[in-house]
């Protein structure tokens, strides 16, 4: 069955709205499923839905007549909520989406995972990096509620992916997804050499492996993951092709990850995270860089 109608949860948010706009540009009919009042003007339909209510989620997806769903309606950072609220929101909303999509026979599910599945930006202990470039097989060591929730989402998707007649499920491990204005302010207008990195916003440095993603590339990979053809559940690193540092990646390796096994050469300012799986299975290539601004 061809995908025509796409539900996007959290379409009121920054990346959710960008995904809806991108889908519209590619001929899809879009339904924004989100809490509260509509705060965007790009979707074709809007359905006010409490994503922590299983019945509301099922009803909204069913009434939308969606063929696929892209789930971005999660808490994007945990600093403004108690830990249990962050965990419940991210894990249970994803469970409700997976269950409803499976029961309704949707074609495809895309979930918002995160680089924080590693245990990165919101815990005191530094992220454990064993080998580089990092791929989807690298161990994850989450310790905080946000990271544990992202890990739990992926494990839950594994389980749904084993069910017969399940939709295909893609978990996208996004880093910080930034607009051009945000990238200009964070990267272009501030030093990104070794000295500058010591004072830089930590969400763009060592514990996130100097990763980021332009919002347009983030929207595109969500569409491509929805359109792809594979069985079960797959995880994908979805980061920019380069780092957030001015220094060559080799210098960054020596400075920040001296104990990591270097499995293959990382040249120039190439990303420390491998996106080969997304390239091969989703036919995705991030094309936007802060260096071009």
Foldseek 3Di string as FASTA:
>chain_A
DDFAEEEEEPCLDDLNVLLLQVVVVVRHQYEYEYADDRNDDRHNYYDHADLLDLVRLLVVCVVSVGQEYEYPHADPDPPVDPLVVNLSRLQNSLVSNQVSCFVVLHAEYEYEAALCLQAFDPDDDARDAAAWLAEPPDDHDHDGSNNVSSVNSQVVQQVQLPDPSGHEYEYEHAQAEDELVVLCVQQVVFAQEPVRLVVHDRSQDQRSQQWYAYSNLVSVLSVLNRVFDDGGYDYFYRTAQFGSHPDFVVVSCVVRPVNHHYPDDDGGRGGRYDRVVCCVGRVGHGDDDNVVD
